[in-house]
Amino acid sequence: MTAAGTTGASPLLEVAGLSVHHGQLQALHDVSIAVPAGQVHAMIGANGAGKSTLLRTIAGLHAPTAGSIRLDGRDITGLRPERRVAAGIALVPEGRRLFPSLSVEENLLIGASSRRTGEWSIDAIYDLFGWMRDRRRQRAAQLSGGEQQAVAIGRALAANPRVLLLDELSLGLAPVVVRRIYATLPQLAASGMTILLVEQDVSQALAVASHVHCLLEGRVTLAGPPARLTGAQIEAAYFGVSAASNGNGYGNGSPPGTPASAGPASAGPASASPAISGPAISGPARQADQPPGVHL
């Protein structure tokens, strides 16, 4: 399968034909993506679509049953997680996973223990998150959810990654906090860092991503730049059904395993605005304290 998201630039991160099982359950089916350096790619999809499994497999926390993972052309499929950190891949896990009894600075130093040479010193992280320096002695357990998420990002940055994997940044956070955290991503990408993020909030993902991949039941059903995707295409890929009757029940005229075209819709050009307006999708419920659900 051709890697979704391939452009003229050589990919820094390349996933090819990746399949992953959790016991007898297959979580990913022949997933292929290619992410050039300095770009932000977003994985969207409902709960259980396989988004977090993809990130955890790239980070080395799950072993694939088929396929390969390459970093700057080097096959890292068999590398242990700590070796991948040393190679330049860092994961900000869902739920943050900080050490609650340790201070902010101690959590950052854990990330720096495996650091590569690069610009992200502890002081640089304090400069990125302006509040953090004055509260560096505070225990992580005493921070708000948004502050903990910032520390989790800082811990990953302390390793000076080439590829930053962000799993559900908005999970459990107020919308204003989510906007503040997402505002840091363009600065990271401008430094040359490659970012692959998982997000259920489609509008938020479209606002920051240079390329979007939609997963449904472990398969890529849509891929393309946000400006070339319509609300109808995204809705069809997200749920695997078409808003318009096409006689087969699939949004792109094909089963869910076949990625939909990312080209302009025949009815007219897609809106250049990353926020897609229209009725709210009543998909799988998010936790009550999470931002509103997917809006297309």
Protein backbone atom coordinates (compact mmCIF):
# COMPACT_ATOMS: atom_id res chain seq x y z
CA MET A 1 0.00 0.00 0.00
CA THR A 2 1.26 3.50 -0.84
CA ALA A 3 1.88 5.53 2.28
CA ALA A 4 -0.86 8.06 2.92
CA GLY A 5 0.44 11.58 3.21
CA THR A 6 3.37 11.13 0.84
CA THR A 7 4.50 14.44 -0.65
CA GLY A 8 7.51 15.57 -2.67
CA ALA A 9 9.56 15.71 0.53
CA SER A 10 11.26 12.58 1.81
CA PRO A 11 9.47 11.27 4.90
CA LEU A 12 11.24 11.46 8.24
CA LEU A 13 8.79 8.95 9.73
CA GLU A 14 7.41 6.19 7.53
CA VAL A 15 4.98 3.47 8.55
CA ALA A 16 4.37 0.79 5.93
CA GLY A 17 1.74 -1.96 5.97
CA LEU A 18 1.49 -1.93 9.76
CA SER A 19 -0.79 -4.49 11.42
CA VAL A 20 -1.11 -4.88 15.19
CA HIS A 21 -2.99 -7.41 17.30
CA HIS A 22 -4.08 -7.27 20.93
CA GLY A 23 -4.40 -10.98 21.54
CA GLN A 24 -6.84 -12.25 18.91
CA LEU A 25 -8.22 -8.76 18.24
CA GLN A 26 -6.64 -6.98 15.29
CA ALA A 27 -6.33 -3.29 16.15
CA LEU A 28 -4.56 -2.04 12.99
CA HIS A 29 -4.92 -3.32 9.44
CA ASP A 30 -2.18 -2.57 6.89
CA VAL A 31 -1.74 1.08 7.96
CA SER A 32 0.72 3.18 5.97
CA ILE A 33 1.60 6.83 6.58
CA ALA A 34 4.55 9.04 5.67
CA VAL A 35 5.36 12.21 7.60
CA PRO A 36 7.99 14.68 6.30
CA ALA A 37 10.17 16.64 8.71
CA GLY A 38 8.63 19.77 10.21
CA GLN A 39 5.03 18.83 9.49
CA VAL A 40 2.09 18.26 11.84
CA HIS A 41 0.00 15.22 10.95
CA ALA A 42 -3.20 14.44 12.84
CA MET A 43 -4.86 11.06 13.32
CA ILE A 44 -8.60 11.42 13.84
CA GLY A 45 -11.30 8.83 14.44
CA ALA A 46 -13.79 7.55 16.99
CA ASN A 47 -12.95 5.70 20.20
CA GLY A 48 -11.46 2.31 19.40
CA ALA A 49 -10.36 3.28 15.89
CA GLY A 50 -6.73 2.33 16.60
CA LYS A 51 -5.21 5.82 16.91
CA SER A 52 -3.46 5.33 20.25
CA THR A 53 -2.35 1.83 19.22
CA LEU A 54 -0.63 3.36 16.20
CA LEU A 55 1.29 5.89 18.31
CA ARG A 56 2.23 3.33 20.94
CA THR A 57 3.48 0.97 18.23
CA ILE A 58 5.62 3.70 16.70
CA ALA A 59 7.02 4.37 20.19
CA GLY A 60 7.82 0.65 20.62
CA LEU A 61 5.23 -0.16 23.28
CA HIS A 62 3.36 -2.61 21.01
CA ALA A 63 4.99 -5.11 18.66
CA PRO A 64 3.48 -5.19 15.16
CA THR A 65 2.45 -8.47 13.60
CA ALA A 66 3.25 -7.14 10.11
CA GLY A 67 4.75 -4.08 8.49
CA SER A 68 7.65 -1.77 9.23
CA ILE A 69 8.51 1.55 10.86
CA ARG A 70 11.34 3.69 9.50
CA LEU A 71 12.93 6.82 10.94
CA ASP A 72 14.89 8.82 8.37
CA GLY A 73 15.21 5.68 6.27
CA ARG A 74 16.40 3.46 9.14
CA ASP A 75 14.27 0.45 10.02
CA ILE A 76 13.45 0.76 13.73
CA THR A 77 10.67 -1.87 13.83
CA GLY A 78 12.64 -4.12 16.17
CA LEU A 79 14.12 -1.44 18.44
CA ARG A 80 13.19 -1.34 22.11
CA PRO A 81 11.31 1.78 23.33
CA GLU A 82 14.34 3.34 25.05
CA ARG A 83 16.39 2.89 21.88
CA ARG A 84 13.71 4.70 19.92
CA VAL A 85 13.88 7.61 22.36
CA ALA A 86 17.63 7.76 21.76
CA ALA A 87 16.96 7.65 18.01
CA GLY A 88 14.63 10.64 18.29
CA ILE A 89 11.05 9.48 18.99
CA ALA A 90 9.25 10.71 22.11
CA LEU A 91 5.67 9.95 23.18
CA VAL A 92 3.36 12.13 25.27
CA PRO A 93 0.97 9.39 26.41
CA GLU A 94 -2.76 9.63 26.88
CA GLY A 95 -3.46 10.62 30.47
CA ARG A 96 -0.05 12.36 30.83
CA ARG A 97 1.50 9.65 33.09
CA LEU A 98 3.62 11.99 35.22
CA PHE A 99 5.26 10.96 38.48
CA PRO A 100 2.85 12.72 40.88
CA SER A 101 5.17 12.78 43.90
CA LEU A 102 8.01 14.37 41.93
CA SER A 103 8.37 18.06 41.20
CA VAL A 104 7.85 19.68 37.82
CA GLU A 105 11.60 19.92 37.30
CA GLU A 106 12.22 16.33 38.40
CA ASN A 107 9.67 15.11 35.85
CA LEU A 108 11.45 17.12 33.14
CA LEU A 109 14.83 15.73 34.17
CA ILE A 110 13.51 12.20 33.70
CA GLY A 111 12.88 13.07 30.06
CA ALA A 112 16.31 14.66 29.79
CA SER A 113 18.01 11.49 31.06
CA SER A 114 17.85 10.04 27.54
CA ARG A 115 18.27 13.32 25.69
CA ARG A 116 19.84 13.76 22.32
CA THR A 117 21.91 16.83 21.48
CA GLY A 118 19.56 19.66 20.63
CA GLU A 119 17.99 22.99 21.50
CA TRP A 120 15.51 21.76 24.12
CA SER A 121 17.21 22.36 27.43
CA ILE A 122 15.22 22.63 30.67
CA ASP A 123 15.53 26.43 30.42
CA ALA A 124 14.16 26.36 26.86
CA ILE A 125 11.15 24.40 28.07
CA TYR A 126 10.60 26.96 30.84
CA ASP A 127 10.70 29.67 28.18
CA LEU A 128 8.07 27.83 26.11
CA PHE A 129 5.73 27.45 29.09
CA GLY A 130 6.14 30.76 30.89
CA TRP A 131 4.52 29.70 34.19
CA MET A 132 6.70 26.66 34.68
CA ARG A 133 9.98 28.17 35.89
CA ASP A 134 8.45 29.80 38.97
CA ARG A 135 6.67 26.57 39.90
CA ARG A 136 9.42 24.10 39.08
CA ARG A 137 9.61 22.89 42.71
CA GLN A 138 5.89 22.13 42.90
CA ARG A 139 4.78 18.50 42.93
CA ALA A 140 3.09 17.32 39.75
CA ALA A 141 0.09 16.10 41.76
CA GLN A 142 -0.66 19.70 42.75
CA LEU A 143 -0.96 20.93 39.16
CA SER A 144 -4.13 21.38 37.15
CA GLY A 145 -4.85 19.04 34.25
CA GLY A 146 -3.66 21.59 31.70
CA GLU A 147 -0.47 22.25 33.64
CA GLN A 148 0.20 18.52 33.89
CA GLN A 149 -0.25 18.20 30.14
CA ALA A 150 2.28 20.98 29.60
CA VAL A 151 4.77 19.19 31.87
CA ALA A 152 4.19 15.94 29.94
CA ILE A 153 4.97 17.77 26.69
CA GLY A 154 8.02 19.36 28.32
CA ARG A 155 9.25 15.97 29.52
CA ALA A 156 9.11 14.67 25.94
CA LEU A 157 10.83 17.80 24.59
CA ALA A 158 13.63 17.37 27.12
CA ALA A 159 14.73 14.28 25.15
CA ASN A 160 15.17 16.52 22.06
CA PRO A 161 13.07 14.32 19.77
CA ARG A 162 12.95 14.51 16.01
CA VAL A 163 9.44 13.05 16.09
CA LEU A 164 6.96 14.04 18.80
CA LEU A 165 3.97 11.73 19.31
CA LEU A 166 1.02 13.40 21.10
CA ASP A 167 -1.80 11.16 22.28
CA GLU A 168 -5.14 12.87 23.06
CA LEU A 169 -3.87 16.29 24.12
CA SER A 170 -7.38 17.59 24.80
CA LEU A 171 -8.48 14.66 26.97
CA GLY A 172 -10.28 15.95 30.07
CA LEU A 173 -9.23 19.58 29.57
CA ALA A 174 -11.30 22.74 29.30
CA PRO A 175 -11.44 24.23 25.75
CA VAL A 176 -9.49 27.36 26.76
CA VAL A 177 -6.67 25.19 28.13
CA VAL A 178 -6.67 23.06 24.98
CA ARG A 179 -6.27 26.18 22.83
CA ARG A 180 -3.28 27.33 24.88
CA ILE A 181 -1.55 23.96 24.55
CA TYR A 182 -2.24 23.70 20.82
CA ALA A 183 -0.85 27.22 20.36
CA THR A 184 2.62 25.82 21.13
CA LEU A 185 2.59 23.30 18.27
CA PRO A 186 3.38 25.70 15.38
CA GLN A 187 6.51 26.84 17.23
CA LEU A 188 7.64 23.24 17.64
CA ALA A 189 7.02 22.44 13.97
CA ALA A 190 8.84 25.64 12.92
CA SER A 191 11.93 24.34 14.74
CA GLY A 192 11.93 21.35 12.36
CA MET A 193 10.25 18.89 14.71
CA THR A 194 7.85 16.38 13.17
CA ILE A 195 4.58 15.99 15.07
CA LEU A 196 2.08 13.15 14.86
CA LEU A 197 -0.92 13.75 17.09
CA VAL A 198 -4.03 11.80 17.98
CA GLU A 199 -7.19 13.81 18.50
CA GLN A 200 -10.91 13.09 18.66
CA ASP A 201 -11.82 16.77 18.38
CA VAL A 202 -11.80 17.04 14.60
CA SER A 203 -12.04 20.84 14.47
CA GLN A 204 -9.01 21.18 16.72
CA ALA A 205 -7.01 18.70 14.66
CA LEU A 206 -7.85 20.43 11.38
CA ALA A 207 -6.82 23.80 12.81
CA VAL A 208 -3.19 22.76 13.43
CA ALA A 209 -2.46 19.89 11.03
CA SER A 210 -0.82 20.11 7.63
CA HIS A 211 -2.20 16.64 6.88
CA VAL A 212 -5.03 14.57 8.36
CA HIS A 213 -5.51 10.78 8.46
CA CYS A 214 -8.83 9.27 9.53
CA LEU A 215 -8.87 5.81 11.09
CA LEU A 216 -11.93 3.58 11.23
CA GLU A 217 -11.72 0.13 12.81
CA GLY A 218 -7.94 0.11 12.40
CA ARG A 219 -7.90 1.17 8.74
CA VAL A 220 -7.05 4.48 7.09
CA THR A 221 -10.25 5.65 5.42
CA LEU A 222 -9.23 9.19 4.44
CA ALA A 223 -6.01 11.16 4.14
CA GLY A 224 -5.16 14.59 2.84
CA PRO A 225 -4.49 18.26 3.62
CA PRO A 226 -7.36 19.84 5.60
CA ALA A 227 -8.02 22.49 2.94
CA ARG A 228 -8.81 19.74 0.41
CA LEU A 229 -11.21 17.78 2.61
CA THR A 230 -14.90 18.53 2.85
CA GLY A 231 -17.12 18.02 5.86
CA ALA A 232 -19.00 15.29 4.00
CA GLN A 233 -15.77 13.41 3.22
CA ILE A 234 -14.61 13.55 6.83
CA GLU A 235 -17.99 12.49 8.20
CA ALA A 236 -18.15 9.56 5.80
CA ALA A 237 -14.62 8.44 6.67
CA TYR A 238 -15.16 8.91 10.42
CA PHE A 239 -18.23 6.67 10.54
CA GLY A 240 -17.80 4.54 7.43
CA VAL A 241 -21.11 5.62 5.95
CA SER A 242 -22.04 8.24 3.39
CA ALA A 243 -24.22 11.25 4.10
CA ALA A 244 -25.48 10.91 0.54
CA SER A 245 -27.02 7.67 -0.64
CA ASN A 246 -24.48 5.84 -2.77
CA GLY A 247 -26.01 2.40 -2.68
CA ASN A 248 -23.21 0.63 -0.82
CA GLY A 249 -23.13 2.27 2.64
CA TYR A 250 -19.54 3.47 2.44
CA GLY A 251 -18.54 7.10 2.36
CA ASN A 252 -16.04 6.78 -0.50
CA GLY A 253 -17.87 4.12 -2.47
CA SER A 254 -15.54 1.45 -1.09
CA PRO A 255 -15.21 -0.64 2.07
CA PRO A 256 -13.60 1.03 5.09
CA GLY A 257 -10.15 -0.33 4.28
CA THR A 258 -9.96 1.80 1.12
CA PRO A 259 -8.82 5.40 1.72
CA ALA A 260 -11.11 8.03 0.27
CA SER A 261 -9.81 10.54 -2.23
CA ALA A 262 -8.44 13.73 -0.74
CA GLY A 263 -9.05 15.72 -3.90
CA PRO A 264 -11.61 18.51 -4.27
CA ALA A 265 -15.22 17.39 -4.24
CA SER A 266 -16.98 17.49 -7.59
CA ALA A 267 -19.72 19.72 -6.18
CA GLY A 268 -17.24 22.54 -5.55
CA PRO A 269 -14.03 23.41 -3.76
CA ALA A 270 -13.59 22.65 -0.09
CA SER A 271 -13.63 25.53 2.35
CA ALA A 272 -10.18 26.89 3.09
CA SER A 273 -11.14 27.33 6.73
CA PRO A 274 -9.90 24.47 8.91
CA ALA A 275 -13.06 24.61 11.03
CA ILE A 276 -15.80 22.72 9.25
CA SER A 277 -19.27 23.93 10.06
CA GLY A 278 -22.44 21.92 10.13
CA PRO A 279 -24.40 19.68 12.48
CA ALA A 280 -22.60 18.08 15.39
CA ILE A 281 -21.78 14.43 15.00
CA SER A 282 -23.23 12.35 17.78
CA GLY A 283 -20.48 9.74 17.73
CA PRO A 284 -18.99 7.79 20.64
CA ALA A 285 -19.43 9.76 23.85
CA ARG A 286 -16.49 11.58 25.39
CA GLN A 287 -16.08 12.03 29.12
CA ALA A 288 -18.27 14.71 30.63
CA ASP A 289 -15.34 16.99 31.40
CA GLN A 290 -13.86 16.78 27.93
CA PRO A 291 -14.38 19.41 25.24
CA PRO A 292 -17.53 19.11 23.09
CA GLY A 293 -17.66 16.22 20.68
CA VAL A 294 -16.72 16.17 17.03
CA HIS A 295 -18.24 19.01 15.02
CA LEU A 296 -18.33 18.92 11.25
